[in-house]
Amino acid sequence: MPRIIIPLAVALVGLILFSHGALIHAKAIVAQVLLDRAFSQTIATGRPVKPWSWADTVPVARIEVKRLGVSTIALAGSSGQALAFGAGHVEGTAEPGEAGVAVYSAHRDTHFRFLKDVSIGDEIDVVGRDGRTFRYRADGTSVVRFDASGIDPGTERPELVLSTCWPFDALTQGPERYVLHATLIADQ
């Protein structure tokens, strides 16, 4: 009897762990659909729309790199709760198209996984909550300590920074951040 119970118990634990992992991915897919819908409603109505009733943040931008075929919704704020569902617009930084640096952060293994494939010269579109599109050109990257980004918040030019943890393939969080810098080239 123990020869049957042990393999069944191991199989049951495996099934439970697999189901938990599948549930997390399913929730992530559903969240992206809800975020996209809320962002579209925000643009259409001109007022912030929560993606679900208990959300503590709202979508504020869509970041797209057409060459790579990627698009991600950015949320207001860069708290851990916001970053669990998407990129976050860092508090106190400029809005897209405004003078200053608009900074967005996200996890390297989810919403900003594509940053490793962005090349200097690539165009990055940021659609703001008002529906206007701002086109930036990637013009530099750096790896910096989390507390020494080198970002100049006092710049008068409209700039964009996309930031994530470094290195891209690390299994644990470290003190370094990958920073992609871009400069505004057009707004529509």
N, C-alpha and C. Protein backbone atom coordinates (compact mmCIF):
# COMPACT_ATOMS: atom_id res chain seq x y z
N MET A 1 0.80 -1.21 0.00
CA MET A 1 0.00 0.00 0.00
C MET A 1 0.85 1.28 0.00
N PRO A 2 1.95 1.38 0.83
CA PRO A 2 2.78 2.59 0.81
C PRO A 2 3.41 2.83 -0.56
N ARG A 3 3.64 1.77 -1.34
CA ARG A 3 4.23 1.94 -2.66
C ARG A 3 3.27 2.68 -3.59
N ILE A 4 2.02 2.62 -3.33
CA ILE A 4 1.03 3.33 -4.14
C ILE A 4 0.77 4.73 -3.59
N ILE A 5 0.74 4.87 -2.28
CA ILE A 5 0.41 6.15 -1.65
C ILE A 5 1.48 7.19 -1.91
N ILE A 6 2.74 6.82 -1.78
CA ILE A 6 3.82 7.80 -1.96
C ILE A 6 3.83 8.38 -3.38
N PRO A 7 3.79 7.54 -4.43
CA PRO A 7 3.74 8.14 -5.78
C PRO A 7 2.48 8.97 -6.01
N LEU A 8 1.35 8.54 -5.46
CA LEU A 8 0.13 9.33 -5.61
C LEU A 8 0.24 10.67 -4.89
N ALA A 9 0.85 10.66 -3.70
CA ALA A 9 1.04 11.91 -2.96
C ALA A 9 1.97 12.85 -3.72
N VAL A 10 3.06 12.29 -4.27
CA VAL A 10 3.99 13.12 -5.05
C VAL A 10 3.29 13.67 -6.29
N ALA A 11 2.50 12.84 -6.95
CA ALA A 11 1.76 13.29 -8.14
C ALA A 11 0.76 14.38 -7.77
N LEU A 12 0.09 14.24 -6.64
CA LEU A 12 -0.88 15.24 -6.20
C LEU A 12 -0.19 16.57 -5.90
N VAL A 13 0.94 16.52 -5.20
CA VAL A 13 1.69 17.74 -4.91
C VAL A 13 2.14 18.40 -6.21
N GLY A 14 2.64 17.60 -7.16
CA GLY A 14 3.04 18.13 -8.46
C GLY A 14 1.89 18.79 -9.18
N LEU A 15 0.73 18.14 -9.15
CA LEU A 15 -0.46 18.71 -9.80
C LEU A 15 -0.87 20.02 -9.15
N ILE A 16 -0.80 20.08 -7.84
CA ILE A 16 -1.15 21.31 -7.12
C ILE A 16 -0.19 22.44 -7.50
N LEU A 17 1.12 22.14 -7.51
CA LEU A 17 2.10 23.17 -7.87
C LEU A 17 1.94 23.62 -9.32
N PHE A 18 1.71 22.68 -10.22
CA PHE A 18 1.49 23.02 -11.62
C PHE A 18 0.25 23.90 -11.76
N SER A 19 -0.83 23.54 -11.08
CA SER A 19 -2.07 24.31 -11.14
C SER A 19 -1.87 25.73 -10.62
N HIS A 20 -1.10 25.85 -9.53
CA HIS A 20 -0.84 27.18 -8.97
C HIS A 20 -0.08 28.03 -9.99
N GLY A 21 0.94 27.46 -10.62
CA GLY A 21 1.70 28.18 -11.64
C GLY A 21 0.82 28.57 -12.82
N ALA A 22 -0.04 27.66 -13.26
CA ALA A 22 -0.94 27.94 -14.39
C ALA A 22 -1.92 29.04 -14.01
N LEU A 23 -2.39 29.04 -12.78
CA LEU A 23 -3.32 30.07 -12.32
C LEU A 23 -2.67 31.45 -12.33
N ILE A 24 -1.41 31.52 -11.91
CA ILE A 24 -0.70 32.80 -11.92
C ILE A 24 -0.60 33.33 -13.35
N HIS A 25 -0.25 32.47 -14.32
CA HIS A 25 -0.14 32.90 -15.71
C HIS A 25 -1.51 33.29 -16.27
N ALA A 26 -2.54 32.56 -15.91
CA ALA A 26 -3.89 32.90 -16.38
C ALA A 26 -4.32 34.26 -15.84
N LYS A 27 -4.03 34.52 -14.56
CA LYS A 27 -4.36 35.82 -13.98
C LYS A 27 -3.60 36.94 -14.68
N ALA A 28 -2.35 36.69 -15.04
CA ALA A 28 -1.56 37.71 -15.73
C ALA A 28 -2.16 38.02 -17.10
N ILE A 29 -2.61 37.01 -17.82
CA ILE A 29 -3.23 37.22 -19.13
C ILE A 29 -4.52 38.01 -18.99
N VAL A 30 -5.35 37.62 -18.04
CA VAL A 30 -6.62 38.33 -17.82
C VAL A 30 -6.35 39.77 -17.39
N ALA A 31 -5.35 39.97 -16.53
CA ALA A 31 -5.03 41.33 -16.08
C ALA A 31 -4.64 42.22 -17.27
N GLN A 32 -3.86 41.70 -18.20
CA GLN A 32 -3.45 42.50 -19.35
C GLN A 32 -4.66 42.89 -20.21
N VAL A 33 -5.61 41.99 -20.36
CA VAL A 33 -6.83 42.30 -21.11
C VAL A 33 -7.60 43.41 -20.40
N LEU A 34 -7.74 43.29 -19.09
CA LEU A 34 -8.46 44.30 -18.31
C LEU A 34 -7.74 45.64 -18.31
N LEU A 35 -6.40 45.62 -18.24
CA LEU A 35 -5.63 46.87 -18.29
C LEU A 35 -5.80 47.55 -19.64
N ASP A 36 -5.73 46.77 -20.70
CA ASP A 36 -5.89 47.34 -22.05
C ASP A 36 -7.27 47.97 -22.21
N ARG A 37 -8.28 47.26 -21.72
CA ARG A 37 -9.65 47.79 -21.82
C ARG A 37 -9.81 49.07 -21.00
N ALA A 38 -9.25 49.07 -19.79
CA ALA A 38 -9.36 50.27 -18.94
C ALA A 38 -8.61 51.44 -19.56
N PHE A 39 -7.45 51.18 -20.18
CA PHE A 39 -6.70 52.26 -20.82
C PHE A 39 -7.48 52.83 -21.99
N SER A 40 -8.10 51.98 -22.78
CA SER A 40 -8.93 52.45 -23.91
C SER A 40 -10.09 53.29 -23.40
N GLN A 41 -10.71 52.90 -22.29
CA GLN A 41 -11.81 53.66 -21.72
C GLN A 41 -11.32 54.99 -21.15
N THR A 42 -10.10 54.99 -20.59
CA THR A 42 -9.51 56.23 -20.08
C THR A 42 -9.35 57.24 -21.21
N ILE A 43 -8.83 56.77 -22.35
CA ILE A 43 -8.66 57.67 -23.50
C ILE A 43 -10.02 58.16 -24.00
N ALA A 44 -10.99 57.25 -24.09
CA ALA A 44 -12.31 57.60 -24.63
C ALA A 44 -13.07 58.57 -23.74
N THR A 45 -12.96 58.42 -22.43
CA THR A 45 -13.76 59.23 -21.50
C THR A 45 -13.00 60.45 -20.98
N GLY A 46 -11.67 60.42 -21.07
CA GLY A 46 -10.89 61.52 -20.54
C GLY A 46 -10.74 61.50 -19.03
N ARG A 47 -11.11 60.40 -18.40
CA ARG A 47 -10.93 60.29 -16.95
C ARG A 47 -10.36 58.91 -16.62
N PRO A 48 -9.61 58.79 -15.53
CA PRO A 48 -8.98 57.52 -15.19
C PRO A 48 -10.02 56.42 -14.92
N VAL A 49 -9.77 55.24 -15.47
CA VAL A 49 -10.66 54.10 -15.27
C VAL A 49 -9.84 52.96 -14.65
N LYS A 50 -10.30 52.46 -13.51
CA LYS A 50 -9.62 51.34 -12.86
C LYS A 50 -9.84 50.06 -13.67
N PRO A 51 -8.82 49.20 -13.75
CA PRO A 51 -8.96 47.96 -14.51
C PRO A 51 -9.89 46.96 -13.82
N TRP A 52 -10.00 47.01 -12.53
CA TRP A 52 -10.93 46.20 -11.74
C TRP A 52 -11.28 47.01 -10.50
N SER A 53 -12.39 46.72 -9.91
CA SER A 53 -12.95 47.61 -8.88
C SER A 53 -12.04 47.82 -7.68
N TRP A 54 -11.24 46.87 -7.30
CA TRP A 54 -10.41 47.00 -6.12
C TRP A 54 -8.98 47.45 -6.45
N ALA A 55 -8.71 47.81 -7.70
CA ALA A 55 -7.37 48.25 -8.10
C ALA A 55 -6.99 49.52 -7.36
N ASP A 56 -5.71 49.62 -6.98
CA ASP A 56 -5.23 50.83 -6.32
C ASP A 56 -4.39 51.68 -7.27
N THR A 57 -4.53 51.43 -8.57
CA THR A 57 -3.82 52.19 -9.59
C THR A 57 -4.65 52.21 -10.87
N VAL A 58 -4.25 53.05 -11.80
CA VAL A 58 -4.95 53.14 -13.09
C VAL A 58 -3.92 53.14 -14.21
N PRO A 59 -4.31 52.66 -15.40
CA PRO A 59 -3.39 52.72 -16.53
C PRO A 59 -3.21 54.16 -17.00
N VAL A 60 -1.95 54.53 -17.30
CA VAL A 60 -1.65 55.90 -17.70
C VAL A 60 -0.94 56.01 -19.04
N ALA A 61 -0.45 54.90 -19.58
CA ALA A 61 0.27 54.97 -20.86
C ALA A 61 0.37 53.58 -21.48
N ARG A 62 0.61 53.59 -22.78
CA ARG A 62 0.94 52.35 -23.50
C ARG A 62 2.32 52.58 -24.13
N ILE A 63 3.24 51.66 -23.88
CA ILE A 63 4.59 51.75 -24.42
C ILE A 63 4.72 50.69 -25.50
N GLU A 64 5.13 51.12 -26.72
CA GLU A 64 5.20 50.18 -27.84
C GLU A 64 6.55 50.31 -28.55
N VAL A 65 7.09 49.16 -28.93
CA VAL A 65 8.25 49.12 -29.82
C VAL A 65 7.79 48.28 -31.01
N LYS A 66 7.40 48.96 -32.06
CA LYS A 66 6.80 48.27 -33.21
C LYS A 66 7.76 47.31 -33.89
N ARG A 67 9.05 47.65 -33.96
CA ARG A 67 10.02 46.76 -34.59
C ARG A 67 10.02 45.39 -33.93
N LEU A 68 9.79 45.37 -32.61
CA LEU A 68 9.78 44.12 -31.87
C LEU A 68 8.38 43.53 -31.73
N GLY A 69 7.37 44.32 -32.12
CA GLY A 69 5.99 43.85 -31.97
C GLY A 69 5.55 43.73 -30.52
N VAL A 70 6.07 44.63 -29.66
CA VAL A 70 5.71 44.56 -28.25
C VAL A 70 4.95 45.82 -27.83
N SER A 71 4.08 45.62 -26.86
CA SER A 71 3.29 46.70 -26.30
C SER A 71 2.98 46.34 -24.87
N THR A 72 3.08 47.30 -23.97
CA THR A 72 2.73 47.05 -22.58
C THR A 72 2.05 48.29 -21.99
N ILE A 73 1.12 48.05 -21.10
CA ILE A 73 0.41 49.13 -20.42
C ILE A 73 1.20 49.54 -19.19
N ALA A 74 1.33 50.84 -18.98
CA ALA A 74 1.99 51.36 -17.78
C ALA A 74 0.94 51.89 -16.82
N LEU A 75 1.18 51.65 -15.55
CA LEU A 75 0.26 52.07 -14.49
C LEU A 75 0.81 53.27 -13.73
N ALA A 76 -0.07 53.98 -13.05
CA ALA A 76 0.33 55.10 -12.21
C ALA A 76 1.09 54.56 -11.01
N GLY A 77 2.30 55.04 -10.82
CA GLY A 77 3.09 54.64 -9.66
C GLY A 77 3.97 53.44 -9.93
N SER A 78 4.97 53.28 -9.06
CA SER A 78 5.92 52.18 -9.23
C SER A 78 6.00 51.32 -7.98
N SER A 79 4.87 51.21 -7.28
CA SER A 79 4.83 50.35 -6.10
C SER A 79 4.90 48.88 -6.53
N GLY A 80 5.18 48.03 -5.58
CA GLY A 80 5.22 46.59 -5.88
C GLY A 80 3.90 46.08 -6.41
N GLN A 81 2.79 46.62 -5.91
CA GLN A 81 1.47 46.20 -6.39
C GLN A 81 1.29 46.58 -7.85
N ALA A 82 1.69 47.78 -8.24
CA ALA A 82 1.56 48.20 -9.63
C ALA A 82 2.46 47.37 -10.53
N LEU A 83 3.71 47.16 -10.12
CA LEU A 83 4.67 46.43 -10.95
C LEU A 83 4.30 44.95 -11.09
N ALA A 84 3.44 44.45 -10.22
CA ALA A 84 3.00 43.06 -10.37
C ALA A 84 2.12 42.90 -11.61
N PHE A 85 1.51 43.98 -12.08
CA PHE A 85 0.59 43.90 -13.21
C PHE A 85 1.08 44.58 -14.48
N GLY A 86 2.08 45.43 -14.38
CA GLY A 86 2.56 46.13 -15.56
C GLY A 86 3.73 47.03 -15.22
N ALA A 87 4.15 47.78 -16.21
CA ALA A 87 5.17 48.80 -15.98
C ALA A 87 4.56 49.89 -15.10
N GLY A 88 5.40 50.62 -14.40
CA GLY A 88 4.91 51.71 -13.57
C GLY A 88 5.55 53.03 -13.95
N HIS A 89 4.73 54.08 -14.00
CA HIS A 89 5.25 55.43 -14.24
C HIS A 89 5.76 55.95 -12.90
N VAL A 90 7.06 56.20 -12.81
CA VAL A 90 7.68 56.57 -11.54
C VAL A 90 7.16 57.93 -11.08
N GLU A 91 6.73 57.96 -9.84
CA GLU A 91 6.15 59.15 -9.24
C GLU A 91 7.10 60.33 -9.35
N GLY A 92 6.55 61.51 -9.65
CA GLY A 92 7.32 62.73 -9.68
C GLY A 92 8.12 62.94 -10.96
N THR A 93 8.01 62.02 -11.92
CA THR A 93 8.72 62.23 -13.19
C THR A 93 7.75 62.81 -14.21
N ALA A 94 8.30 63.32 -15.29
CA ALA A 94 7.49 64.01 -16.31
C ALA A 94 6.48 63.08 -16.95
N GLU A 95 5.44 63.67 -17.50
CA GLU A 95 4.48 62.95 -18.34
C GLU A 95 5.09 62.85 -19.74
N PRO A 96 4.67 61.88 -20.54
CA PRO A 96 5.20 61.78 -21.90
C PRO A 96 5.01 63.09 -22.66
N GLY A 97 6.06 63.51 -23.37
CA GLY A 97 6.00 64.72 -24.17
C GLY A 97 6.30 66.00 -23.42
N GLU A 98 6.30 65.96 -22.10
CA GLU A 98 6.60 67.15 -21.30
C GLU A 98 8.10 67.34 -21.17
N ALA A 99 8.50 68.57 -20.86
CA ALA A 99 9.91 68.82 -20.55
C ALA A 99 10.28 68.01 -19.32
N GLY A 100 11.43 67.38 -19.37
CA GLY A 100 11.88 66.54 -18.27
C GLY A 100 11.92 65.08 -18.71
N VAL A 101 12.17 64.21 -17.76
CA VAL A 101 12.33 62.79 -18.06
C VAL A 101 11.12 62.01 -17.54
N ALA A 102 10.43 61.34 -18.46
CA ALA A 102 9.36 60.42 -18.08
C ALA A 102 10.02 59.07 -17.81
N VAL A 103 9.90 58.56 -16.59
CA VAL A 103 10.57 57.32 -16.21
C VAL A 103 9.52 56.24 -15.95
N TYR A 104 9.74 55.08 -16.60
CA TYR A 104 8.89 53.91 -16.40
C TYR A 104 9.78 52.75 -15.98
N SER A 105 9.33 51.99 -15.01
CA SER A 105 10.06 50.82 -14.54
C SER A 105 9.16 49.61 -14.61
N ALA A 106 9.78 48.44 -14.81
CA ALA A 106 9.03 47.18 -14.81
C ALA A 106 10.01 46.05 -14.55
N HIS A 107 9.46 44.88 -14.28
CA HIS A 107 10.29 43.70 -14.03
C HIS A 107 10.96 43.22 -15.31
N ARG A 108 12.19 42.77 -15.18
CA ARG A 108 12.99 42.31 -16.33
C ARG A 108 12.49 41.00 -16.91
N ASP A 109 11.75 40.23 -16.13
CA ASP A 109 11.31 38.91 -16.60
C ASP A 109 9.84 38.91 -17.04
N THR A 110 9.21 40.08 -17.03
CA THR A 110 7.82 40.15 -17.50
C THR A 110 7.65 41.31 -18.46
N HIS A 111 7.16 42.42 -18.00
CA HIS A 111 6.73 43.52 -18.86
C HIS A 111 7.86 44.27 -19.57
N PHE A 112 9.07 44.23 -19.02
CA PHE A 112 10.20 44.87 -19.70
C PHE A 112 11.23 43.84 -20.16
N ARG A 113 10.82 42.61 -20.34
CA ARG A 113 11.71 41.57 -20.86
C ARG A 113 12.26 41.99 -22.23
N PHE A 114 11.45 42.73 -23.00
CA PHE A 114 11.84 43.13 -24.35
C PHE A 114 12.98 44.14 -24.39
N LEU A 115 13.30 44.79 -23.27
CA LEU A 115 14.35 45.82 -23.28
C LEU A 115 15.69 45.28 -23.75
N LYS A 116 15.96 44.01 -23.50
CA LYS A 116 17.24 43.44 -23.93
C LYS A 116 17.36 43.40 -25.44
N ASP A 117 16.23 43.50 -26.15
CA ASP A 117 16.23 43.43 -27.62
C ASP A 117 16.10 44.79 -28.29
N VAL A 118 15.94 45.86 -27.51
CA VAL A 118 15.85 47.21 -28.08
C VAL A 118 17.24 47.67 -28.46
N SER A 119 17.37 48.18 -29.67
CA SER A 119 18.66 48.66 -30.19
C SER A 119 18.68 50.18 -30.24
N ILE A 120 19.87 50.73 -30.17
CA ILE A 120 20.02 52.18 -30.33
C ILE A 120 19.44 52.54 -31.70
N GLY A 121 18.61 53.57 -31.74
CA GLY A 121 17.95 53.99 -32.97
C GLY A 121 16.52 53.49 -33.08
N ASP A 122 16.15 52.50 -32.28
CA ASP A 122 14.76 52.01 -32.31
C ASP A 122 13.81 53.12 -31.87
N GLU A 123 12.63 53.10 -32.47
CA GLU A 123 11.59 54.05 -32.08
C GLU A 123 10.68 53.43 -31.04
N ILE A 124 10.37 54.22 -30.04
CA ILE A 124 9.51 53.79 -28.94
C ILE A 124 8.34 54.76 -28.89
N ASP A 125 7.13 54.26 -29.05
CA ASP A 125 5.94 55.10 -28.97
C ASP A 125 5.36 54.99 -27.56
N VAL A 126 5.01 56.14 -27.01
CA VAL A 126 4.31 56.19 -25.73
C VAL A 126 2.99 56.91 -25.97
N VAL A 127 1.89 56.19 -25.77
CA VAL A 127 0.56 56.78 -25.89
C VAL A 127 0.15 57.21 -24.49
N GLY A 128 -0.11 58.50 -24.33
CA GLY A 128 -0.50 59.04 -23.03
C GLY A 128 -1.98 58.82 -22.75
N ARG A 129 -2.37 59.13 -21.55
CA ARG A 129 -3.77 58.92 -21.13
C ARG A 129 -4.76 59.79 -21.89
N ASP A 130 -4.24 60.82 -22.59
CA ASP A 130 -5.11 61.66 -23.41
C ASP A 130 -5.20 61.16 -24.85
N GLY A 131 -4.52 60.05 -25.15
CA GLY A 131 -4.56 59.46 -26.49
C GLY A 131 -3.49 59.96 -27.43
N ARG A 132 -2.74 60.98 -27.02
CA ARG A 132 -1.65 61.48 -27.87
C ARG A 132 -0.49 60.50 -27.86
N THR A 133 0.16 60.37 -29.02
CA THR A 133 1.30 59.47 -29.16
C THR A 133 2.58 60.30 -29.24
N PHE A 134 3.56 59.91 -28.46
CA PHE A 134 4.86 60.56 -28.45
C PHE A 134 5.89 59.53 -28.90
N ARG A 135 6.64 59.89 -29.93
CA ARG A 135 7.65 58.97 -30.48
C ARG A 135 9.03 59.38 -29.99
N TYR A 136 9.71 58.42 -29.40
CA TYR A 136 11.07 58.62 -28.90
C TYR A 136 12.02 57.72 -29.69
N ARG A 137 13.29 58.12 -29.73
CA ARG A 137 14.32 57.29 -30.35
C ARG A 137 15.31 56.88 -29.26
N ALA A 138 15.54 55.56 -29.15
CA ALA A 138 16.52 55.06 -28.19
C ALA A 138 17.89 55.57 -28.56
N ASP A 139 18.56 56.24 -27.61
CA ASP A 139 19.87 56.80 -27.93
C ASP A 139 20.96 56.42 -26.95
N GLY A 140 20.65 55.58 -25.98
CA GLY A 140 21.71 55.14 -25.06
C GLY A 140 21.21 54.17 -24.02
N THR A 141 22.12 53.35 -23.54
CA THR A 141 21.82 52.42 -22.44
C THR A 141 22.96 52.48 -21.44
N SER A 142 22.65 52.11 -20.22
CA SER A 142 23.68 52.01 -19.20
C SER A 142 23.23 51.03 -18.12
N VAL A 143 24.19 50.55 -17.38
CA VAL A 143 23.92 49.72 -16.21
C VAL A 143 24.43 50.51 -15.02
N VAL A 144 23.54 50.77 -14.06
CA VAL A 144 23.86 51.63 -12.93
C VAL A 144 23.40 50.98 -11.63
N ARG A 145 23.91 51.48 -10.52
CA ARG A 145 23.38 51.05 -9.22
C ARG A 145 21.99 51.66 -9.05
N PHE A 146 21.13 50.98 -8.34
CA PHE A 146 19.75 51.44 -8.15
C PHE A 146 19.68 52.83 -7.55
N ASP A 147 20.69 53.23 -6.78
CA ASP A 147 20.67 54.53 -6.11
C ASP A 147 21.54 55.57 -6.80
N ALA A 148 21.99 55.27 -8.03
CA ALA A 148 22.84 56.21 -8.76
C ALA A 148 22.52 56.11 -10.25
N SER A 149 21.31 56.50 -10.61
CA SER A 149 20.83 56.30 -11.98
C SER A 149 21.47 57.23 -13.00
N GLY A 150 21.90 58.41 -12.58
CA GLY A 150 22.45 59.37 -13.51
C GLY A 150 21.39 60.10 -14.32
N ILE A 151 20.12 59.88 -14.00
CA ILE A 151 19.03 60.56 -14.72
C ILE A 151 18.97 62.01 -14.26
N ASP A 152 18.93 62.93 -15.22
CA ASP A 152 18.88 64.36 -14.91
C ASP A 152 17.42 64.83 -14.94
N PRO A 153 16.77 64.92 -13.78
CA PRO A 153 15.36 65.32 -13.78
C PRO A 153 15.15 66.78 -14.17
N GLY A 154 16.22 67.56 -14.20
CA GLY A 154 16.09 68.99 -14.50
C GLY A 154 16.20 69.32 -15.98
N THR A 155 16.33 68.33 -16.83
CA THR A 155 16.47 68.61 -18.25
C THR A 155 15.22 69.29 -18.80
N GLU A 156 15.40 70.15 -19.76
CA GLU A 156 14.26 70.84 -20.37
C GLU A 156 13.73 70.11 -21.60
N ARG A 157 14.50 69.16 -22.10
CA ARG A 157 14.05 68.40 -23.27
C ARG A 157 13.13 67.26 -22.82
N PRO A 158 12.15 66.92 -23.63
CA PRO A 158 11.32 65.75 -23.31
C PRO A 158 12.12 64.46 -23.57
N GLU A 159 12.33 63.71 -22.52
CA GLU A 159 13.11 62.48 -22.61
C GLU A 159 12.33 61.33 -21.98
N LEU A 160 12.79 60.13 -22.28
CA LEU A 160 12.15 58.90 -21.78
C LEU A 160 13.23 57.99 -21.23
N VAL A 161 12.95 57.38 -20.08
CA VAL A 161 13.83 56.36 -19.53
C VAL A 161 12.97 55.15 -19.19
N LEU A 162 13.42 53.98 -19.67
CA LEU A 162 12.81 52.71 -19.32
C LEU A 162 13.85 51.96 -18.49
N SER A 163 13.45 51.51 -17.31
CA SER A 163 14.40 50.94 -16.36
C SER A 163 13.92 49.58 -15.85
N THR A 164 14.87 48.68 -15.68
CA THR A 164 14.56 47.35 -15.14
C THR A 164 15.78 46.80 -14.42
N CYS A 165 15.62 45.70 -13.71
CA CYS A 165 16.74 45.09 -13.00
C CYS A 165 17.74 44.48 -13.99
N TRP A 166 18.98 44.39 -13.54
CA TRP A 166 20.07 43.85 -14.34
C TRP A 166 20.82 42.83 -13.51
N PRO A 167 21.34 41.79 -14.05
CA PRO A 167 21.29 41.36 -15.44
C PRO A 167 19.95 40.72 -15.79
N PHE A 168 19.67 40.65 -17.08
CA PHE A 168 18.37 40.16 -17.53
C PHE A 168 18.11 38.71 -17.13
N ASP A 169 19.14 37.89 -17.06
CA ASP A 169 18.94 36.47 -16.79
C ASP A 169 19.17 36.08 -15.33
N ALA A 170 19.29 37.07 -14.45
CA ALA A 170 19.52 36.77 -13.03
C ALA A 170 18.29 36.12 -12.40
N LEU A 171 18.53 35.29 -11.41
CA LEU A 171 17.44 34.62 -10.71
C LEU A 171 17.01 35.37 -9.46
N THR A 172 17.86 36.25 -8.97
CA THR A 172 17.52 37.03 -7.78
C THR A 172 17.74 38.51 -8.07
N GLN A 173 17.13 39.34 -7.26
CA GLN A 173 17.27 40.79 -7.43
C GLN A 173 18.64 41.23 -6.96
N GLY A 174 19.22 42.16 -7.69
CA GLY A 174 20.51 42.71 -7.32
C GLY A 174 20.46 44.22 -7.30
N PRO A 175 21.59 44.87 -7.04
CA PRO A 175 21.61 46.32 -6.91
C PRO A 175 21.70 47.07 -8.23
N GLU A 176 21.88 46.36 -9.36
CA GLU A 176 22.08 47.05 -10.62
C GLU A 176 20.79 47.17 -11.42
N ARG A 177 20.70 48.27 -12.19
CA ARG A 177 19.55 48.52 -13.04
C ARG A 177 20.03 48.79 -14.46
N TYR A 178 19.26 48.30 -15.41
CA TYR A 178 19.49 48.57 -16.83
C TYR A 178 18.63 49.77 -17.17
N VAL A 179 19.22 50.80 -17.75
CA VAL A 179 18.53 52.04 -18.06
C VAL A 179 18.62 52.29 -19.56
N LEU A 180 17.47 52.36 -20.21
CA LEU A 180 17.41 52.70 -21.63
C LEU A 180 16.95 54.15 -21.73
N HIS A 181 17.71 54.97 -22.40
CA HIS A 181 17.40 56.38 -22.54
C HIS A 181 16.93 56.65 -23.97
N ALA A 182 15.93 57.52 -24.11
CA ALA A 182 15.42 57.90 -25.44
C ALA A 182 15.04 59.37 -25.42
N THR A 183 15.10 59.98 -26.60
CA THR A 183 14.77 61.40 -26.76
C THR A 183 13.58 61.55 -27.68
N LEU A 184 12.70 62.48 -27.37
CA LEU A 184 11.50 62.74 -28.17
C LEU A 184 11.88 63.18 -29.58
N ILE A 185 11.26 62.54 -30.59
CA ILE A 185 11.50 62.95 -31.97
C ILE A 185 10.22 63.44 -32.64
N ALA A 186 9.04 63.07 -32.10
CA ALA A 186 7.77 63.52 -32.70
C ALA A 186 6.62 63.31 -31.72
N ASP A 187 5.59 64.14 -31.85
CA ASP A 187 4.34 63.87 -31.14
C ASP A 187 3.19 64.02 -32.12
N GLN A 188 2.16 63.21 -31.88
CA GLN A 188 1.04 63.16 -32.82
C GLN A 188 -0.27 63.35 -32.07
